[in-house]
Amino acid sequence: MEAKLKIVPCTDANRILLKNYRLKKGQEQWTAMPLAAMEQCDTDKDRYPFLLLWDLQLAGFFRSE
């Protein structure tokens, strides 16, 4: 059986998925919002953004430094 969860690099092609990404109320204090984090990745080439996809739907975002 193929895993449903995939970790993929964030590219210009799939970056559109971040536009509608929302957190539950109160969670924003624990993490950066993806679009703001992407701006940091755009200016700092030592940061690498990734998307977590569950059945091709955006489930999360993280960046490695």
PDB file of N, CA and C in Angstrom:
ATOM      1  N   MET A   1       0.841  -1.172   0.000  1.00  0.00           N
ATOM      2  CA  MET A   1       0.000   0.000   0.000  1.00  0.00           C
ATOM      3  C   MET A   1       0.890   1.241   0.000  1.00  0.00           C
ATOM      4  N   GLU A   2       0.548   2.198  -0.806  1.00  0.00           N
ATOM      5  CA  GLU A   2       1.318   3.441  -0.914  1.00  0.00           C
ATOM      6  C   GLU A   2       0.944   4.392   0.220  1.00  0.00           C
ATOM      7  N   ALA A   3       1.956   5.048   0.777  1.00  0.00           N
ATOM      8  CA  ALA A   3       1.718   6.005   1.865  1.00  0.00           C
ATOM      9  C   ALA A   3       0.902   7.184   1.351  1.00  0.00           C
ATOM     10  N   LYS A   4      -0.019   7.653   2.172  1.00  0.00           N
ATOM     11  CA  LYS A   4      -0.845   8.798   1.803  1.00  0.00           C
ATOM     12  C   LYS A   4      -0.149  10.114   2.108  1.00  0.00           C
ATOM     13  N   LEU A   5       0.754  10.109   3.082  1.00  0.00           N
ATOM     14  CA  LEU A   5       1.465  11.321   3.460  1.00  0.00           C
ATOM     15  C   LEU A   5       2.735  11.445   2.627  1.00  0.00           C
ATOM     16  N   LYS A   6       2.907  12.607   2.013  1.00  0.00           N
ATOM     17  CA  LYS A   6       4.103  12.874   1.219  1.00  0.00           C
ATOM     18  C   LYS A   6       4.708  14.194   1.670  1.00  0.00           C
ATOM     19  N   ILE A   7       6.018  14.241   1.689  1.00  0.00           N
ATOM     20  CA  ILE A   7       6.757  15.473   1.963  1.00  0.00           C
ATOM     21  C   ILE A   7       7.428  15.857   0.657  1.00  0.00           C
ATOM     22  N   VAL A   8       7.080  17.046   0.156  1.00  0.00           N
ATOM     23  CA  VAL A   8       7.607  17.491  -1.131  1.00  0.00           C
ATOM     24  C   VAL A   8       8.180  18.897  -0.994  1.00  0.00           C
ATOM     25  N   PRO A   9       9.210  19.212  -1.773  1.00  0.00           N
ATOM     26  CA  PRO A   9       9.724  20.582  -1.757  1.00  0.00           C
ATOM     27  C   PRO A   9       8.649  21.550  -2.242  1.00  0.00           C
ATOM     28  N   CYS A  10       8.623  22.721  -1.656  1.00  0.00           N
ATOM     29  CA  CYS A  10       7.697  23.760  -2.107  1.00  0.00           C
ATOM     30  C   CYS A  10       8.298  24.427  -3.342  1.00  0.00           C
ATOM     31  N   THR A  11       7.541  24.448  -4.410  1.00  0.00           N
ATOM     32  CA  THR A  11       7.987  25.034  -5.673  1.00  0.00           C
ATOM     33  C   THR A  11       7.010  26.130  -6.091  1.00  0.00           C
ATOM     34  N   ASP A  12       7.367  26.854  -7.125  1.00  0.00           N
ATOM     35  CA  ASP A  12       6.444  27.869  -7.642  1.00  0.00           C
ATOM     36  C   ASP A  12       5.129  27.230  -8.080  1.00  0.00           C
ATOM     37  N   ALA A  13       5.192  26.006  -8.592  1.00  0.00           N
ATOM     38  CA  ALA A  13       3.996  25.326  -9.092  1.00  0.00           C
ATOM     39  C   ALA A  13       3.028  24.945  -7.975  1.00  0.00           C
ATOM     40  N   ASN A  14       3.542  24.518  -6.805  1.00  0.00           N
ATOM     41  CA  ASN A  14       2.630  24.096  -5.736  1.00  0.00           C
ATOM     42  C   ASN A  14       2.486  25.135  -4.621  1.00  0.00           C
ATOM     43  N   ARG A  15       3.155  26.257  -4.755  1.00  0.00           N
ATOM     44  CA  ARG A  15       3.083  27.325  -3.751  1.00  0.00           C
ATOM     45  C   ARG A  15       1.659  27.871  -3.585  1.00  0.00           C
ATOM     46  N   ILE A  16       0.861  27.766  -4.613  1.00  0.00           N
ATOM     47  CA  ILE A  16      -0.530  28.252  -4.574  1.00  0.00           C
ATOM     48  C   ILE A  16      -1.324  27.563  -3.458  1.00  0.00           C
ATOM     49  N   LEU A  17      -0.931  26.357  -3.086  1.00  0.00           N
ATOM     50  CA  LEU A  17      -1.622  25.637  -2.009  1.00  0.00           C
ATOM     51  C   LEU A  17      -1.542  26.386  -0.681  1.00  0.00           C
ATOM     52  N   LEU A  18      -0.500  27.201  -0.511  1.00  0.00           N
ATOM     53  CA  LEU A  18      -0.308  27.920   0.751  1.00  0.00           C
ATOM     54  C   LEU A  18      -1.266  29.092   0.920  1.00  0.00           C
ATOM     55  N   LYS A  19      -1.801  29.580  -0.172  1.00  0.00           N
ATOM     56  CA  LYS A  19      -2.641  30.781  -0.132  1.00  0.00           C
ATOM     57  C   LYS A  19      -3.845  30.613   0.796  1.00  0.00           C
ATOM     58  N   ASN A  20      -4.453  29.445   0.788  1.00  0.00           N
ATOM     59  CA  ASN A  20      -5.667  29.210   1.578  1.00  0.00           C
ATOM     60  C   ASN A  20      -5.404  28.405   2.844  1.00  0.00           C
ATOM     61  N   TYR A  21      -4.147  28.233   3.216  1.00  0.00           N
ATOM     62  CA  TYR A  21      -3.809  27.454   4.405  1.00  0.00           C
ATOM     63  C   TYR A  21      -4.227  28.219   5.652  1.00  0.00           C
ATOM     64  N   ARG A  22      -4.958  27.568   6.530  1.00  0.00           N
ATOM     65  CA  ARG A  22      -5.440  28.190   7.761  1.00  0.00           C
ATOM     66  C   ARG A  22      -5.111  27.296   8.947  1.00  0.00           C
ATOM     67  N   LEU A  23      -4.922  27.919  10.075  1.00  0.00           N
ATOM     68  CA  LEU A  23      -4.720  27.198  11.329  1.00  0.00           C
ATOM     69  C   LEU A  23      -5.969  27.342  12.186  1.00  0.00           C
ATOM     70  N   LYS A  24      -6.141  26.415  13.101  1.00  0.00           N
ATOM     71  CA  LYS A  24      -7.228  26.552  14.063  1.00  0.00           C
ATOM     72  C   LYS A  24      -6.899  27.703  15.002  1.00  0.00           C
ATOM     73  N   LYS A  25      -7.932  28.337  15.528  1.00  0.00           N
ATOM     74  CA  LYS A  25      -7.757  29.461  16.427  1.00  0.00           C
ATOM     75  C   LYS A  25      -6.845  29.085  17.597  1.00  0.00           C
ATOM     76  N   GLY A  26      -5.870  29.937  17.864  1.00  0.00           N
ATOM     77  CA  GLY A  26      -4.934  29.719  18.960  1.00  0.00           C
ATOM     78  C   GLY A  26      -3.640  29.028  18.561  1.00  0.00           C
ATOM     79  N   GLN A  27      -3.619  28.369  17.397  1.00  0.00           N
ATOM     80  CA  GLN A  27      -2.410  27.663  16.978  1.00  0.00           C
ATOM     81  C   GLN A  27      -1.353  28.585  16.396  1.00  0.00           C
ATOM     82  N   GLU A  28      -1.753  29.760  15.938  1.00  0.00           N
ATOM     83  CA  GLU A  28      -0.799  30.647  15.278  1.00  0.00           C
ATOM     84  C   GLU A  28       0.325  31.109  16.203  1.00  0.00           C
ATOM     85  N   GLN A  29       0.119  31.010  17.506  1.00  0.00           N
ATOM     86  CA  GLN A  29       1.172  31.413  18.440  1.00  0.00           C
ATOM     87  C   GLN A  29       2.327  30.411  18.454  1.00  0.00           C
ATOM     88  N   TRP A  30       2.114  29.206  17.945  1.00  0.00           N
ATOM     89  CA  TRP A  30       3.129  28.152  17.997  1.00  0.00           C
ATOM     90  C   TRP A  30       3.912  27.987  16.706  1.00  0.00           C
ATOM     91  N   THR A  31       3.498  28.667  15.644  1.00  0.00           N
ATOM     92  CA  THR A  31       4.144  28.444  14.353  1.00  0.00           C
ATOM     93  C   THR A  31       4.073  29.688  13.478  1.00  0.00           C
ATOM     94  N   ALA A  32       4.906  29.739  12.472  1.00  0.00           N
ATOM     95  CA  ALA A  32       4.842  30.817  11.476  1.00  0.00           C
ATOM     96  C   ALA A  32       3.819  30.423  10.415  1.00  0.00           C
ATOM     97  N   MET A  33       3.144  31.394   9.878  1.00  0.00           N
ATOM     98  CA  MET A  33       2.227  31.118   8.782  1.00  0.00           C
ATOM     99  C   MET A  33       3.063  30.853   7.526  1.00  0.00           C
ATOM    100  N   PRO A  34       2.645  29.912   6.698  1.00  0.00           N
ATOM    101  CA  PRO A  34       3.452  29.498   5.556  1.00  0.00           C
ATOM    102  C   PRO A  34       3.848  30.616   4.593  1.00  0.00           C
ATOM    103  N   LEU A  35       2.945  31.513   4.256  1.00  0.00           N
ATOM    104  CA  LEU A  35       3.317  32.557   3.300  1.00  0.00           C
ATOM    105  C   LEU A  35       4.390  33.479   3.871  1.00  0.00           C
ATOM    106  N   ALA A  36       4.307  33.790   5.151  1.00  0.00           N
ATOM    107  CA  ALA A  36       5.342  34.609   5.792  1.00  0.00           C
ATOM    108  C   ALA A  36       6.672  33.851   5.838  1.00  0.00           C
ATOM    109  N   ALA A  37       6.611  32.562   6.132  1.00  0.00           N
ATOM    110  CA  ALA A  37       7.816  31.742   6.157  1.00  0.00           C
ATOM    111  C   ALA A  37       8.419  31.625   4.758  1.00  0.00           C
ATOM    112  N   MET A  38       7.583  31.556   3.749  1.00  0.00           N
ATOM    113  CA  MET A  38       8.078  31.488   2.368  1.00  0.00           C
ATOM    114  C   MET A  38       8.828  32.752   1.981  1.00  0.00           C
ATOM    115  N   GLU A  39       8.365  33.903   2.461  1.00  0.00           N
ATOM    116  CA  GLU A  39       9.082  35.150   2.182  1.00  0.00           C
ATOM    117  C   GLU A  39      10.496  35.084   2.744  1.00  0.00           C
ATOM    118  N   GLN A  40      10.650  34.493   3.922  1.00  0.00           N
ATOM    119  CA  GLN A  40      11.982  34.326   4.500  1.00  0.00           C
ATOM    120  C   GLN A  40      12.818  33.369   3.659  1.00  0.00           C
ATOM    121  N   CYS A  41      12.205  32.324   3.146  1.00  0.00           N
ATOM    122  CA  CYS A  41      12.922  31.367   2.296  1.00  0.00           C
ATOM    123  C   CYS A  41      13.362  32.018   0.985  1.00  0.00           C
ATOM    124  N   ASP A  42      12.544  32.941   0.485  1.00  0.00           N
ATOM    125  CA  ASP A  42      12.887  33.634  -0.756  1.00  0.00           C
ATOM    126  C   ASP A  42      14.133  34.502  -0.591  1.00  0.00           C
ATOM    127  N   THR A  43      14.318  35.058   0.598  1.00  0.00           N
ATOM    128  CA  THR A  43      15.446  35.957   0.811  1.00  0.00           C
ATOM    129  C   THR A  43      16.646  35.269   1.444  1.00  0.00           C
ATOM    130  N   ASP A  44      16.447  34.126   2.074  1.00  0.00           N
ATOM    131  CA  ASP A  44      17.538  33.389   2.722  1.00  0.00           C
ATOM    132  C   ASP A  44      17.652  32.021   2.060  1.00  0.00           C
ATOM    133  N   LYS A  45      18.631  31.862   1.215  1.00  0.00           N
ATOM    134  CA  LYS A  45      18.774  30.634   0.428  1.00  0.00           C
ATOM    135  C   LYS A  45      19.249  29.438   1.258  1.00  0.00           C
ATOM    136  N   ASP A  46      19.479  29.628   2.558  1.00  0.00           N
ATOM    137  CA  ASP A  46      19.813  28.516   3.445  1.00  0.00           C
ATOM    138  C   ASP A  46      18.577  27.945   4.135  1.00  0.00           C
ATOM    139  N   ARG A  47      17.402  28.418   3.745  1.00  0.00           N
ATOM    140  CA  ARG A  47      16.136  27.894   4.265  1.00  0.00           C
ATOM    141  C   ARG A  47      15.427  27.169   3.127  1.00  0.00           C
ATOM    142  N   TYR A  48      14.938  25.972   3.417  1.00  0.00           N
ATOM    143  CA  TYR A  48      14.333  25.139   2.389  1.00  0.00           C
ATOM    144  C   TYR A  48      12.905  24.779   2.791  1.00  0.00           C
ATOM    145  N   PRO A  49      11.914  25.237   2.025  1.00  0.00           N
ATOM    146  CA  PRO A  49      10.510  24.989   2.374  1.00  0.00           C
ATOM    147  C   PRO A  49      10.003  23.648   1.837  1.00  0.00           C
ATOM    148  N   PHE A  50       9.155  23.002   2.644  1.00  0.00           N
ATOM    149  CA  PHE A  50       8.544  21.729   2.268  1.00  0.00           C
ATOM    150  C   PHE A  50       7.053  21.756   2.582  1.00  0.00           C
ATOM    151  N   LEU A  51       6.306  21.003   1.809  1.00  0.00           N
ATOM    152  CA  LEU A  51       4.877  20.836   2.037  1.00  0.00           C
ATOM    153  C   LEU A  51       4.615  19.407   2.503  1.00  0.00           C
ATOM    154  N   LEU A  52       3.663  19.272   3.413  1.00  0.00           N
ATOM    155  CA  LEU A  52       3.159  17.963   3.823  1.00  0.00           C
ATOM    156  C   LEU A  52       1.821  17.776   3.120  1.00  0.00           C
ATOM    157  N   LEU A  53       1.742  16.765   2.289  1.00  0.00           N
ATOM    158  CA  LEU A  53       0.518  16.506   1.532  1.00  0.00           C
ATOM    159  C   LEU A  53      -0.098  15.194   1.987  1.00  0.00           C
ATOM    160  N   TRP A  54      -1.388  15.219   2.248  1.00  0.00           N
ATOM    161  CA  TRP A  54      -2.151  14.026   2.588  1.00  0.00           C
ATOM    162  C   TRP A  54      -3.173  13.838   1.481  1.00  0.00           C
ATOM    163  N   ASP A  55      -3.036  12.767   0.728  1.00  0.00           N
ATOM    164  CA  ASP A  55      -3.900  12.546  -0.444  1.00  0.00           C
ATOM    165  C   ASP A  55      -3.924  13.781  -1.353  1.00  0.00           C
ATOM    166  N   LEU A  56      -2.758  14.371  -1.570  1.00  0.00           N
ATOM    167  CA  LEU A  56      -2.553  15.534  -2.441  1.00  0.00           C
ATOM    168  C   LEU A  56      -3.191  16.823  -1.921  1.00  0.00           C
ATOM    169  N   GLN A  57      -3.661  16.826  -0.672  1.00  0.00           N
ATOM    170  CA  GLN A  57      -4.198  18.026  -0.031  1.00  0.00           C
ATOM    171  C   GLN A  57      -3.167  18.541   0.967  1.00  0.00           C
ATOM    172  N   LEU A  58      -3.031  19.846   1.057  1.00  0.00           N
ATOM    173  CA  LEU A  58      -2.065  20.431   1.977  1.00  0.00           C
ATOM    174  C   LEU A  58      -2.455  20.126   3.414  1.00  0.00           C
ATOM    175  N   ALA A  59      -1.543  19.478   4.136  1.00  0.00           N
ATOM    176  CA  ALA A  59      -1.779  19.136   5.536  1.00  0.00           C
ATOM    177  C   ALA A  59      -0.845  19.898   6.452  1.00  0.00           C
ATOM    178  N   GLY A  60       0.236  20.454   5.915  1.00  0.00           N
ATOM    179  CA  GLY A  60       1.180  21.176   6.749  1.00  0.00           C
ATOM    180  C   GLY A  60       2.321  21.738   5.933  1.00  0.00           C
ATOM    181  N   PHE A  61       3.150  22.491   6.617  1.00  0.00           N
ATOM    182  CA  PHE A  61       4.275  23.177   5.996  1.00  0.00           C
ATOM    183  C   PHE A  61       5.398  23.239   7.017  1.00  0.00           C
ATOM    184  N   PHE A  62       6.630  23.089   6.544  1.00  0.00           N
ATOM    185  CA  PHE A  62       7.770  23.355   7.413  1.00  0.00           C
ATOM    186  C   PHE A  62       8.945  23.791   6.553  1.00  0.00           C
ATOM    187  N   ARG A  63       9.917  24.354   7.209  1.00  0.00           N
ATOM    188  CA  ARG A  63      11.138  24.750   6.503  1.00  0.00           C
ATOM    189  C   ARG A  63      12.330  24.246   7.294  1.00  0.00           C
ATOM    190  N   SER A  64      13.334  23.808   6.584  1.00  0.00           N
ATOM    191  CA  SER A  64      14.569  23.394   7.248  1.00  0.00           C
ATOM    192  C   SER A  64      15.569  24.520   7.092  1.00  0.00           C
ATOM    193  N   GLU A  65      16.455  24.595   8.047  1.00  0.00           N
ATOM    194  CA  GLU A  65      17.466  25.662   8.022  1.00  0.00           C
ATOM    195  C   GLU A  65      18.830  25.044   8.099  1.00  0.00           C
TER     196      GLU A  65
END
